[in-house]
Protein backbone atom coordinates (compact mmCIF):
# COMPACT_ATOMS: atom_id res chain seq x y z
CA MET A 1 71.11 112.24 148.20
CA LEU A 2 69.11 109.43 149.12
CA SER A 3 65.64 109.32 147.88
CA THR A 4 62.25 108.30 150.31
CA GLY A 5 62.08 104.59 150.58
CA ALA A 6 65.45 103.84 149.01
CA LEU A 7 67.29 101.75 152.65
CA ALA A 8 64.35 99.91 152.22
CA GLN A 9 66.43 98.13 149.18
CA SER A 10 69.79 96.02 149.41
CA PHE A 11 72.68 96.27 148.24
CA THR A 12 75.83 94.22 147.61
CA LEU A 13 79.31 94.22 147.43
CA ALA A 14 79.64 93.61 143.51
CA ASP A 15 77.29 96.65 142.98
CA THR A 16 79.00 98.85 145.79
CA LEU A 17 82.04 97.55 142.96
CA ARG A 18 80.55 98.44 139.58
CA GLY A 19 79.38 101.58 141.34
CA THR A 20 81.57 103.62 143.19
CA LEU A 21 83.74 105.71 141.93
CA SER A 22 86.30 104.38 144.61
CA PRO A 23 89.96 106.01 144.47
CA ILE A 24 91.31 103.21 142.58
CA ARG A 25 88.76 103.67 139.80
CA ALA A 26 89.19 107.54 140.12
CA SER A 27 92.77 107.47 139.73
CA PHE A 28 92.81 107.03 136.00
CA ASP A 29 91.19 108.21 133.16
CA VAL A 30 90.28 106.52 129.94
CA THR A 31 91.33 108.57 127.18
CA TYR A 32 91.30 105.94 124.13
CA TYR A 33 89.57 102.04 123.66
CA ASP A 34 90.75 100.27 120.77
CA LEU A 35 88.71 96.81 121.06
CA ILE A 36 89.96 94.39 118.94
CA LEU A 37 86.93 91.21 118.41
CA ASN A 38 85.56 88.50 116.52
CA VAL A 39 82.15 87.42 116.66
CA ASP A 40 81.16 83.63 116.22
CA VAL A 41 77.56 84.05 115.53
CA GLU A 42 76.97 79.67 115.51
CA ASN A 43 78.14 79.43 118.31
CA ARG A 44 77.07 82.54 120.31
CA THR A 45 80.59 82.79 121.68
CA ILE A 46 82.64 86.19 121.24
CA GLY A 47 86.97 86.97 121.96
CA GLY A 48 89.02 89.24 121.52
CA VAL A 49 91.46 92.17 122.74
CA ASN A 50 90.31 95.94 124.06
CA HIS A 51 92.69 98.15 124.49
CA VAL A 52 92.64 100.79 127.42
CA HIS A 53 94.34 104.15 126.44
CA PHE A 54 94.21 106.22 129.89
CA ARG A 55 96.38 109.05 131.70
CA THR A 56 96.97 108.81 134.84
CA VAL A 57 95.54 111.47 137.78
CA SER A 58 97.17 110.34 140.34
CA ASP A 59 100.36 107.83 141.52
CA LEU A 60 99.17 103.79 141.33
CA ASP A 61 100.77 100.25 141.09
CA SER A 62 96.98 99.16 140.56
CA LEU A 63 93.55 99.97 138.47
CA GLN A 64 89.77 98.31 138.64
CA LEU A 65 88.30 97.38 134.94
CA ASP A 66 85.41 95.57 134.61
CA LEU A 67 84.10 92.25 133.11
CA PHE A 68 81.67 90.18 134.24
CA ASP A 69 82.53 87.22 135.53
CA ASN A 70 81.00 84.13 133.22
CA LEU A 71 83.31 85.50 130.72
CA VAL A 72 87.48 84.39 130.38
CA ILE A 73 90.43 86.97 130.57
CA ASP A 74 93.18 85.29 128.80
CA SER A 75 95.58 88.16 129.22
CA VAL A 76 95.93 91.29 130.79
CA VAL A 77 99.46 92.42 129.63
CA GLY A 78 100.89 95.68 129.49
CA ASN A 79 104.43 97.62 128.16
CA GLY A 80 105.01 94.50 126.52
CA ALA A 81 104.98 92.21 129.17
CA LYS A 82 102.33 90.25 131.32
CA LEU A 83 100.44 92.25 134.04
CA ARG A 84 99.26 89.67 137.70
CA PHE A 85 95.44 90.53 137.90
CA SER A 86 92.33 89.29 140.52
CA ARG A 87 88.87 89.00 140.11
CA LEU A 88 86.18 89.99 142.62
CA PHE A 89 82.64 89.56 141.37
CA ASN A 90 82.59 91.96 137.99
CA ALA A 91 85.80 93.92 138.53
CA PHE A 92 89.35 92.88 137.69
CA PHE A 93 92.31 94.57 139.47
CA VAL A 94 95.03 95.05 137.35
CA SER A 95 98.69 95.09 139.23
CA PHE A 96 101.72 96.67 138.26
CA PRO A 97 105.68 95.74 138.95
CA THR A 98 106.10 99.40 139.45
CA LYS A 99 105.01 102.91 140.34
CA VAL A 100 103.17 104.50 137.56
CA SER A 101 102.76 107.99 138.73
CA ALA A 102 100.17 110.85 137.82
CA GLY A 103 99.66 112.83 134.38
CA GLU A 104 101.59 109.80 132.52
CA ASN A 105 100.38 107.47 129.79
CA ALA A 106 99.14 104.04 130.08
CA ILE A 107 97.36 101.08 128.66
CA VAL A 108 96.06 98.59 129.03
CA SER A 109 95.25 95.02 127.30
CA VAL A 110 93.28 92.97 127.79
CA TYR A 111 92.56 89.75 125.77
CA TYR A 112 89.84 87.26 126.46
CA HIS A 113 86.64 85.29 125.50
CA GLY A 114 84.04 83.62 126.48
CA LYS A 115 79.76 83.14 125.63
CA PRO A 116 78.34 87.12 127.28
CA ILE A 117 74.70 87.22 128.37
CA GLU A 118 71.91 86.18 125.96
CA ALA A 119 69.03 89.01 126.40
CA LYS A 120 65.59 88.00 127.87
CA ASN A 121 63.50 90.71 127.30
CA ALA A 122 65.96 93.41 125.90
CA PRO A 123 66.66 96.26 125.89
CA TRP A 124 64.91 96.13 129.15
CA ASP A 125 67.46 93.08 130.54
CA GLY A 126 70.27 93.89 128.12
CA GLY A 127 72.48 91.35 126.36
CA PHE A 128 72.96 90.05 123.69
CA VAL A 129 70.08 89.34 120.43
CA TRP A 130 70.35 86.25 118.91
CA LYS A 131 67.72 85.74 116.15
CA LYS A 132 67.02 85.51 112.04
CA ASP A 133 65.83 87.53 109.71
CA SER A 134 62.57 86.09 107.65
CA ASN A 135 65.64 84.98 105.04
CA GLY A 136 66.69 82.21 107.63
CA LYS A 137 70.20 84.60 108.14
CA PRO A 138 71.42 84.98 111.20
CA TRP A 139 70.01 89.16 112.71
CA VAL A 140 72.61 89.91 116.03
CA GLY A 141 72.11 92.92 118.02
CA ILE A 142 73.04 93.80 121.80
CA ALA A 143 71.51 95.73 124.83
CA CYS A 144 73.61 96.39 127.60
CA GLU A 145 72.18 99.60 129.83
CA GLY A 146 71.10 99.24 132.64
CA LEU A 147 73.21 95.35 132.32
CA GLY A 148 76.69 97.33 131.61
CA ALA A 149 79.50 97.17 128.72
CA SER A 150 80.95 95.16 130.73
CA SER A 151 78.35 92.43 129.94
CA TRP A 152 80.14 92.26 127.00
CA TRP A 153 83.31 94.03 126.61
CA PRO A 154 86.05 94.58 128.73
CA CYS A 155 86.23 98.82 130.20
CA LYS A 156 85.84 101.23 133.12
CA ASP A 157 82.74 100.83 133.41
CA HIS A 158 81.40 103.81 135.25
CA LEU A 159 79.40 106.41 134.03
CA SER A 160 81.95 109.48 135.05
CA ASP A 161 84.57 108.27 132.83
CA GLU A 162 84.10 108.24 128.67
CA PRO A 163 87.08 107.88 126.56
CA ASP A 164 87.92 110.70 124.30
CA SER A 165 87.59 108.40 121.07
CA MET A 166 87.03 105.02 120.03
CA LYS A 167 88.01 102.33 117.37
CA ILE A 168 85.37 99.35 117.51
CA THR A 169 87.00 97.19 114.74
CA CYS A 170 84.69 93.70 114.09
CA THR A 171 84.41 90.31 112.29
CA VAL A 172 81.94 88.35 111.61
CA PRO A 173 80.79 85.33 108.78
CA THR A 174 81.33 85.89 105.92
CA GLY A 175 78.15 87.58 103.75
CA LEU A 176 76.68 89.51 107.03
CA MET A 177 77.75 92.77 107.88
CA CYS A 178 78.72 94.50 111.61
CA VAL A 179 76.70 98.01 111.63
CA ALA A 180 79.43 99.84 114.58
CA ASN A 181 79.26 103.12 116.40
CA GLY A 182 80.77 106.31 114.10
CA ASP A 183 81.80 105.64 110.57
CA PRO A 184 83.14 102.95 108.81
CA VAL A 185 87.27 102.77 107.81
CA SER A 186 87.30 99.94 106.54
CA GLN A 187 86.43 96.65 104.92
CA LYS A 188 87.89 93.91 103.85
CA LEU A 189 87.42 90.49 103.61
CA SER A 190 89.88 86.87 104.86
CA GLY A 191 89.52 83.69 105.66
CA ARG A 192 88.65 84.65 109.52
CA GLY A 193 85.10 86.92 107.67
CA MET A 194 84.11 89.96 107.15
CA THR A 195 85.85 92.64 109.08
CA THR A 196 85.10 96.84 109.60
CA VAL A 197 86.72 98.69 111.44
CA TRP A 198 84.56 102.14 112.87
CA LYS A 199 85.66 105.05 114.25
CA VAL A 200 84.03 107.49 117.21
CA THR A 201 85.32 111.02 116.95
CA TYR A 202 83.37 112.15 120.14
CA PRO A 203 82.99 111.05 123.85
CA ILE A 204 80.94 107.89 124.25
CA ASN A 205 79.32 106.36 127.31
CA SER A 206 80.65 102.75 127.42
CA TYR A 207 76.49 100.83 126.43
CA ASN A 208 76.10 102.90 124.46
CA VAL A 209 79.02 100.66 122.49
CA THR A 210 76.59 98.15 120.32
CA LEU A 211 77.59 95.99 117.37
CA ASN A 212 74.53 94.83 115.41
CA ILE A 213 75.07 92.49 113.24
CA ALA A 214 73.03 90.94 110.06
CA ASP A 215 72.58 90.96 105.47
CA TYR A 216 72.07 94.27 106.17
CA ALA A 217 71.10 97.02 103.04
CA HIS A 218 72.56 100.40 103.06
CA PHE A 219 71.83 103.47 101.95
CA SER A 220 71.55 107.54 102.75
CA ASP A 221 70.30 110.42 102.95
CA ALA A 222 71.52 113.94 104.13
CA TYR A 223 70.39 116.33 106.34
CA VAL A 224 70.91 120.33 105.77
CA ASN A 225 70.98 122.70 108.28
CA THR A 226 69.90 126.70 108.19
CA SER A 227 73.74 126.93 107.76
CA GLY A 228 74.54 124.91 105.51
CA ASP A 229 76.52 122.58 106.86
CA SER A 230 75.16 118.68 105.76
CA LEU A 231 75.32 115.38 108.38
CA ARG A 232 75.51 112.40 106.61
CA LEU A 233 72.22 110.14 107.22
CA ASP A 234 73.00 106.42 107.02
CA TYR A 235 70.22 103.09 107.12
CA TYR A 236 70.98 99.71 107.94
CA VAL A 237 67.83 97.36 107.33
CA LEU A 238 67.19 93.84 106.71
CA ARG A 239 66.46 93.23 102.86
CA ALA A 240 63.09 92.54 102.96
CA ASN A 241 62.28 95.87 104.73
CA LEU A 242 64.10 98.26 102.52
CA ASP A 243 61.55 100.07 100.44
CA LYS A 244 59.36 100.72 104.29
CA ALA A 245 62.19 101.52 105.39
CA ARG A 246 63.17 104.11 102.28
CA LYS A 247 59.38 105.58 103.43
CA GLN A 248 59.21 105.48 107.09
CA PHE A 249 62.40 107.18 107.81
CA GLN A 250 61.85 110.33 104.86
CA GLN A 251 60.67 111.51 108.59
CA VAL A 252 63.96 112.05 109.85
CA PRO A 253 65.18 114.82 108.33
CA GLY A 254 62.43 117.53 109.57
CA MET A 255 62.99 115.81 113.11
CA MET A 256 66.23 116.70 113.12
CA ARG A 257 65.50 120.09 112.23
CA CYS A 258 62.91 120.81 115.81
CA PHE A 259 65.60 119.04 117.54
CA GLU A 260 68.09 121.70 116.11
CA ASP A 261 65.80 124.24 117.07
CA ALA A 262 65.51 123.46 120.44
CA PHE A 263 69.03 121.99 121.62
CA GLY A 264 71.04 123.25 118.98
CA PRO A 265 73.47 120.92 116.59
CA TYR A 266 73.81 117.83 115.76
CA PRO A 267 76.49 116.34 118.52
CA PHE A 268 77.84 114.05 116.37
CA TYR A 269 78.11 115.24 113.01
CA ARG A 270 81.56 114.16 112.36
CA ASP A 271 80.73 110.53 113.17
CA GLY A 272 77.11 110.97 111.08
CA TYR A 273 73.87 109.37 112.14
CA ALA A 274 72.13 106.18 111.66
CA LEU A 275 69.27 104.15 112.09
CA VAL A 276 69.73 100.68 112.36
CA GLU A 277 67.26 97.55 111.91
CA THR A 278 67.54 95.82 115.28
CA PRO A 279 65.99 92.55 117.10
CA TYR A 280 64.74 94.46 119.71
CA LEU A 281 62.26 97.72 120.42
CA GLY A 282 65.42 100.15 119.62
CA MET A 283 68.14 101.91 121.54
CA GLU A 284 70.01 105.49 121.90
CA HIS A 285 73.60 103.79 120.16
CA GLN A 286 75.28 106.65 120.05
CA SER A 287 75.96 107.34 115.88
CA ALA A 288 73.90 104.03 115.61
CA ILE A 289 70.91 103.81 116.88
CA ALA A 290 69.06 101.21 116.91
CA TYR A 291 65.79 100.70 115.64
CA GLY A 292 62.49 97.76 116.30
CA ASN A 293 59.39 99.42 116.04
CA GLY A 294 58.12 97.65 112.85
CA TYR A 295 57.74 100.90 110.42
CA MET A 296 54.52 101.43 112.16
CA PRO A 297 53.70 104.27 113.95
CA GLY A 298 53.96 105.25 117.48
CA TYR A 299 54.49 103.26 120.06
CA ARG A 300 54.19 100.08 118.06
CA GLY A 301 51.44 101.05 117.00
CA ARG A 302 50.17 102.61 120.00
CA HIS A 303 49.64 106.91 119.57
CA PRO A 304 47.79 109.80 120.70
CA GLU A 305 45.11 110.28 117.69
CA GLY A 306 46.49 112.70 114.35
CA MET A 307 49.96 112.12 115.66
CA ASP A 308 51.21 109.37 113.94
CA PHE A 309 55.20 109.83 114.19
CA ASP A 310 57.15 107.05 114.12
CA TYR A 311 57.92 107.00 118.72
CA ILE A 312 61.59 104.75 118.47
CA ILE A 313 62.92 107.28 115.68
CA ILE A 314 61.58 110.51 117.67
CA HIS A 315 62.71 109.52 121.47
CA GLU A 316 65.60 107.56 120.72
CA THR A 317 67.55 110.66 118.23
CA GLY A 318 65.97 112.33 121.23
CA HIS A 319 68.69 110.65 123.45
CA GLU A 320 71.88 111.88 120.59
CA TRP A 321 71.53 115.19 122.74
CA TRP A 322 69.87 113.67 126.05
CA GLY A 323 72.37 110.66 127.50
CA ASN A 324 74.83 110.70 124.50
CA SER A 325 76.22 114.52 124.10
CA VAL A 326 75.37 114.97 127.96
CA SER A 327 75.64 112.23 129.94
CA MET A 328 75.09 111.32 133.90
CA LYS A 329 77.99 110.38 135.76
CA ASP A 330 75.72 108.25 138.37
CA ALA A 331 72.93 105.83 136.73
CA ALA A 332 70.52 107.65 139.67
CA ASP A 333 71.04 109.90 137.76
CA MET A 334 69.12 108.50 135.19
CA TRP A 335 66.03 110.92 134.78
CA ILE A 336 68.77 113.95 132.47
CA HIS A 337 68.57 111.01 130.60
CA GLU A 338 65.11 110.34 130.40
CA SER A 339 63.33 112.74 130.92
CA PHE A 340 64.82 115.72 128.52
CA CYS A 341 64.90 113.44 125.94
CA THR A 342 60.55 112.20 126.78
CA TYR A 343 59.82 115.78 126.50
CA SER A 344 61.75 116.10 123.51
CA GLU A 345 58.70 114.11 122.53
CA ALA A 346 56.67 117.04 123.45
CA VAL A 347 59.30 120.04 122.03
CA PHE A 348 58.50 117.91 118.24
CA VAL A 349 54.83 117.62 118.66
CA GLU A 350 54.66 121.65 119.04
CA CYS A 351 57.33 121.85 116.41
CA THR A 352 55.36 119.60 114.10
CA TYR A 353 51.73 119.75 114.99
CA GLY A 354 51.48 122.45 117.29
CA TYR A 355 50.96 123.95 121.09
CA GLU A 356 47.50 122.42 121.39
CA GLN A 357 48.51 118.94 119.87
CA MET A 358 51.69 119.40 122.36
CA LEU A 359 49.81 119.28 125.55
CA LYS A 360 47.61 116.95 124.04
CA TYR A 361 50.42 114.10 123.40
CA LEU A 362 51.11 115.68 127.35
CA ARG A 363 48.69 114.67 128.50
CA TYR A 364 48.36 110.84 126.92
CA GLN A 365 52.33 111.17 128.29
CA ARG A 366 50.53 111.46 131.98
CA ASN A 367 48.68 108.63 131.26
CA PHE A 368 51.84 106.22 132.58
CA ILE A 369 52.84 108.24 135.50
CA ASN A 370 52.58 106.04 138.69
CA ASN A 371 54.41 107.51 141.66
CA ARG A 372 55.27 104.32 143.24
CA SER A 373 58.31 105.31 144.36
CA PRO A 374 61.46 108.43 143.52
CA ILE A 375 62.55 108.71 140.31
CA VAL A 376 66.22 110.00 141.40
CA GLY A 377 68.00 106.14 142.43
CA ILE A 378 71.05 105.54 144.66
CA TYR A 379 74.51 107.25 144.29
CA GLY A 380 77.54 105.25 144.21
CA LEU A 381 75.18 101.96 143.18
CA ASN A 382 74.33 101.83 140.31
CA ASN A 383 71.13 102.29 140.62
CA GLU A 384 68.42 103.71 139.10
CA GLY A 385 65.45 105.90 140.68
CA ASN A 386 61.65 104.78 138.76
CA GLY A 387 62.11 103.53 136.11
CA ASN A 388 58.47 104.10 133.89
CA ASP A 389 58.61 108.09 136.39
CA MET A 390 61.68 109.37 134.80
CA TYR A 391 60.35 109.07 131.76
CA TYR A 392 56.85 110.45 131.91
CA LYS A 393 56.97 112.53 135.21
CA GLY A 394 60.36 113.58 134.55
CA SER A 395 58.69 115.34 131.09
CA TRP A 396 55.90 115.96 133.67
CA MET A 397 58.12 118.57 135.76
CA ILE A 398 60.22 119.38 132.95
CA HIS A 399 56.96 120.84 131.27
CA THR A 400 55.86 121.97 134.86
CA LEU A 401 58.93 124.73 134.81
CA ARG A 402 57.90 126.06 131.35
CA THR A 403 54.92 126.79 132.82
CA VAL A 404 56.35 127.83 135.88
CA LEU A 405 58.50 130.93 134.05
CA ASN A 406 55.93 131.35 131.94
CA ASP A 407 58.19 133.48 129.91
CA ASP A 408 59.37 130.87 127.37
CA ILE A 409 61.82 133.52 125.89
CA LEU A 410 64.46 132.96 129.46
CA PHE A 411 62.62 129.25 129.40
CA ARG A 412 64.19 128.06 125.70
CA PRO A 413 67.26 129.20 125.75
CA ILE A 414 67.82 127.58 129.14
CA ILE A 415 66.96 124.16 127.76
CA LYS A 416 69.32 124.83 124.61
CA GLY A 417 71.85 125.58 127.25
CA ILE A 418 71.73 122.77 129.07
CA ALA A 419 72.00 120.55 125.42
CA GLN A 420 74.79 122.96 124.56
CA ASP A 421 77.05 124.44 127.44
CA PHE A 422 77.36 120.06 128.99
CA ALA A 423 78.15 118.87 125.78
CA TYR A 424 80.31 116.22 125.61
CA GLN A 425 80.03 116.06 129.42
CA THR A 426 79.11 114.02 132.02
CA VAL A 427 76.92 116.19 134.60
CA ASP A 428 75.20 115.17 138.11
CA GLY A 429 71.53 116.77 138.83
CA GLU A 430 72.55 118.78 140.77
CA ASP A 431 74.36 120.52 137.65
CA ILE A 432 71.61 120.92 136.10
CA ILE A 433 69.13 121.97 138.87
CA LEU A 434 72.04 125.07 139.73
CA TYR A 435 72.58 125.79 135.77
CA PHE A 436 68.74 125.93 135.87
CA ASN A 437 68.11 128.26 139.13
CA GLU A 438 70.86 130.79 137.91
CA LYS A 439 69.78 131.40 133.75
CA ALA A 440 66.16 131.51 135.65
CA GLY A 441 67.43 133.54 138.04
CA ARG A 442 65.15 132.38 141.30
CA ASN A 443 65.58 128.61 143.24
CA LEU A 444 63.66 125.63 141.81
CA THR A 445 65.02 123.51 143.69
CA PRO A 446 62.24 122.66 145.90
CA ILE A 447 60.21 121.91 142.77
CA PHE A 448 62.87 119.75 141.38
CA HIS A 449 63.13 117.61 144.84
CA GLN A 450 59.01 117.69 145.37
CA TYR A 451 59.44 115.91 141.67
CA LEU A 452 62.63 114.20 141.43
CA HIS A 453 63.12 112.71 145.45
CA GLN A 454 59.55 112.13 146.59
CA LYS A 455 57.64 109.54 144.86
CA ASP A 456 54.28 112.28 145.00
CA VAL A 457 53.87 114.68 143.47
CA PRO A 458 52.08 118.26 144.43
CA VAL A 459 48.20 118.05 145.86
CA LEU A 460 46.63 121.02 145.30
CA GLU A 461 44.47 121.63 148.64
CA TYR A 462 41.53 123.70 147.88
CA ARG A 463 38.38 124.87 149.32
CA THR A 464 35.77 126.97 148.28
CA ALA A 465 35.41 129.61 151.06
CA LYS A 466 33.01 133.30 151.72
CA ASN A 467 33.60 135.12 148.57
CA GLY A 468 35.75 132.88 146.77
CA PHE A 469 38.12 130.11 147.50
CA GLU A 470 40.82 129.11 149.11
CA VAL A 471 44.11 126.94 147.77
CA LYS A 472 47.88 125.58 149.09
CA TRP A 473 50.34 123.03 148.25
CA ALA A 474 50.21 120.07 150.16
CA ALA A 475 54.18 118.60 149.57
CA ALA A 476 57.05 117.30 151.01
CA THR A 477 59.92 119.48 150.23
CA GLU A 478 60.81 121.92 152.22
CA GLY A 479 60.39 125.88 151.04
CA PHE A 480 58.57 124.16 148.28
CA ALA A 481 56.49 126.70 146.67
CA MET A 482 55.10 126.98 143.38
CA PRO A 483 52.39 129.21 141.84
CA LEU A 484 48.72 127.78 140.29
CA VAL A 485 47.38 128.81 136.93
CA TYR A 486 43.61 128.37 136.99
CA GLN A 487 41.41 129.78 134.84
CA SER A 488 36.94 130.58 134.88
CA GLY A 489 35.33 129.59 131.44
CA THR A 490 36.59 131.68 128.83
CA ASP A 491 37.72 134.48 130.97
CA ALA A 492 42.20 135.10 130.80
CA VAL A 493 44.26 132.72 132.66
CA LYS A 494 45.13 133.52 135.70
CA ARG A 495 48.27 133.16 138.41
CA ILE A 496 48.62 133.11 141.93
CA GLU A 497 51.75 132.30 144.03
CA LEU A 498 51.45 129.67 146.71
CA ASN A 499 53.34 127.65 149.05
CA ASN A 500 52.78 124.67 151.47
CA THR A 501 52.01 126.07 154.52
CA ASP A 502 49.18 129.05 154.56
CA PHE A 503 45.83 128.62 152.17
CA THR A 504 45.37 131.49 150.22
CA PHE A 505 42.31 133.37 149.96
CA VAL A 506 41.15 134.53 146.16
CA PRO A 507 38.20 135.71 145.82
CA MET A 508 35.74 134.91 142.73
CA GLY A 509 31.77 135.30 142.31
CA LYS A 510 29.87 131.85 142.89
CA LYS A 511 28.92 132.29 138.95
CA ALA A 512 33.00 132.19 138.26
CA LEU A 513 33.66 129.65 140.87
CA LYS A 514 30.96 126.71 139.14
CA GLN A 515 33.34 127.16 135.74
CA LEU A 516 36.22 127.52 137.97
CA ARG A 517 39.40 125.39 136.27
CA PHE A 518 42.87 124.77 138.12
CA ARG A 519 45.23 124.17 134.76
CA ASP A 520 47.03 120.74 135.25
CA ASP A 521 47.35 120.53 132.12
CA LEU A 522 49.94 123.18 131.70
CA MET A 523 51.16 121.63 135.93
CA LEU A 524 51.64 118.53 137.30
CA PHE A 525 50.00 118.31 139.94
CA ILE A 526 46.82 116.39 141.85
CA LYS A 527 43.39 118.54 143.54
CA LYS A 528 42.42 117.55 146.75
CA ASP A 529 38.92 119.16 148.37
CA VAL A 530 40.06 119.91 151.80
CA GLN A 531 35.96 121.34 152.39
């Protein structure tokens, strides 16, 4: 579905090559990546090989992989022989001498080198970040969400295809440590430098693959859940910040308890959980979360009164469920990652501070909604929707759905069910909506579509009438209907079902009318007096 206003944007063949799951890309399924990389910090270059293991879905004689055209492909090897390849924008096409039949397993090895894109404002624009710590030692990080993993390593850079597992081998100059995703399985010092091998034992989306390079200090802790399972907590921080980190990261076990209660077990127990200090704000790199909030409360010190938790720890960890375990198939559905993850902040606040503080926190989030364009982007073009509203408006959409259902015994298992039933999968937005409808036992699609595919939130049109008031929704989505929650003074909260076609009369005395309050702290809408 095209979002409102989407056609005003222009796209190129490069966007199509990157964003479309074309037949040549759909013909194979990646099962394993074996990425081996040398990082020359002084010259800001990289070089190595990615052994791409895949299984053919249909007969093929060529396939598309992706690598930005500023990086050099030295050779592509398959079955011990060099393979022909051609490049087009940031895609490249590998040809096989004979047909590969459906159901076969194969390996293509891509050798490459070059100078990767350098981020100007990570994590928002993406690329490598080359900095130095306070002791003058190199401090390197990568953030490539949106920009794409193929900006620094060759892969099938389409969000619908995740490998079942992965190995990352990284060599860096002596005196530095490379921290990647998963579990470190070996480390070796040689004349080339320090080589560390990291193993990821779960599916991982391509933009979550990362390298962090610095003179890190490492310390560990453990979280034990209610079932007695122990999760290793690893922390890699700059040596000058070790004492700060030991104090700041004490928030992690309590956060983990809240999230496991709401969403189910942490998804990556075998690979552990890590926070890695980075020279940029943060990113949800699976089992190696980038942390750059400066050991401050809130978002770089900005937070609602009375809630001084570290935003980056809470938000980026929420992504382990929302984005890393449950993942979108197409960038247009980035809201699956960001809306649920931003709502997880409210879940944490309610768990830690209580219900009223949760409402206060959501009111704080509401300040950042802009309604400039729809949340959902254009499918098949690697196009994200409203980059701001997919966070805060999306969070409020979920909060609104909680109010619509008016039954936490129903609502909470639906949220947990999404996290568990779609774990380690890639999904479409419509998959989430249909699941919600099925479990709720009602058609919520028009509500989802109003918030996701329209730039404007519902407008509550109201007017006074003799002995009461009249109300209806103004919403562009056909069939939109949603309850209104209202209250007069200290009277009990009341609900009334409204649609977007007819005014509904609500009887109420004059005194009560003067104290009438529409509960816009429970639902996302705008009020409009149409008297």
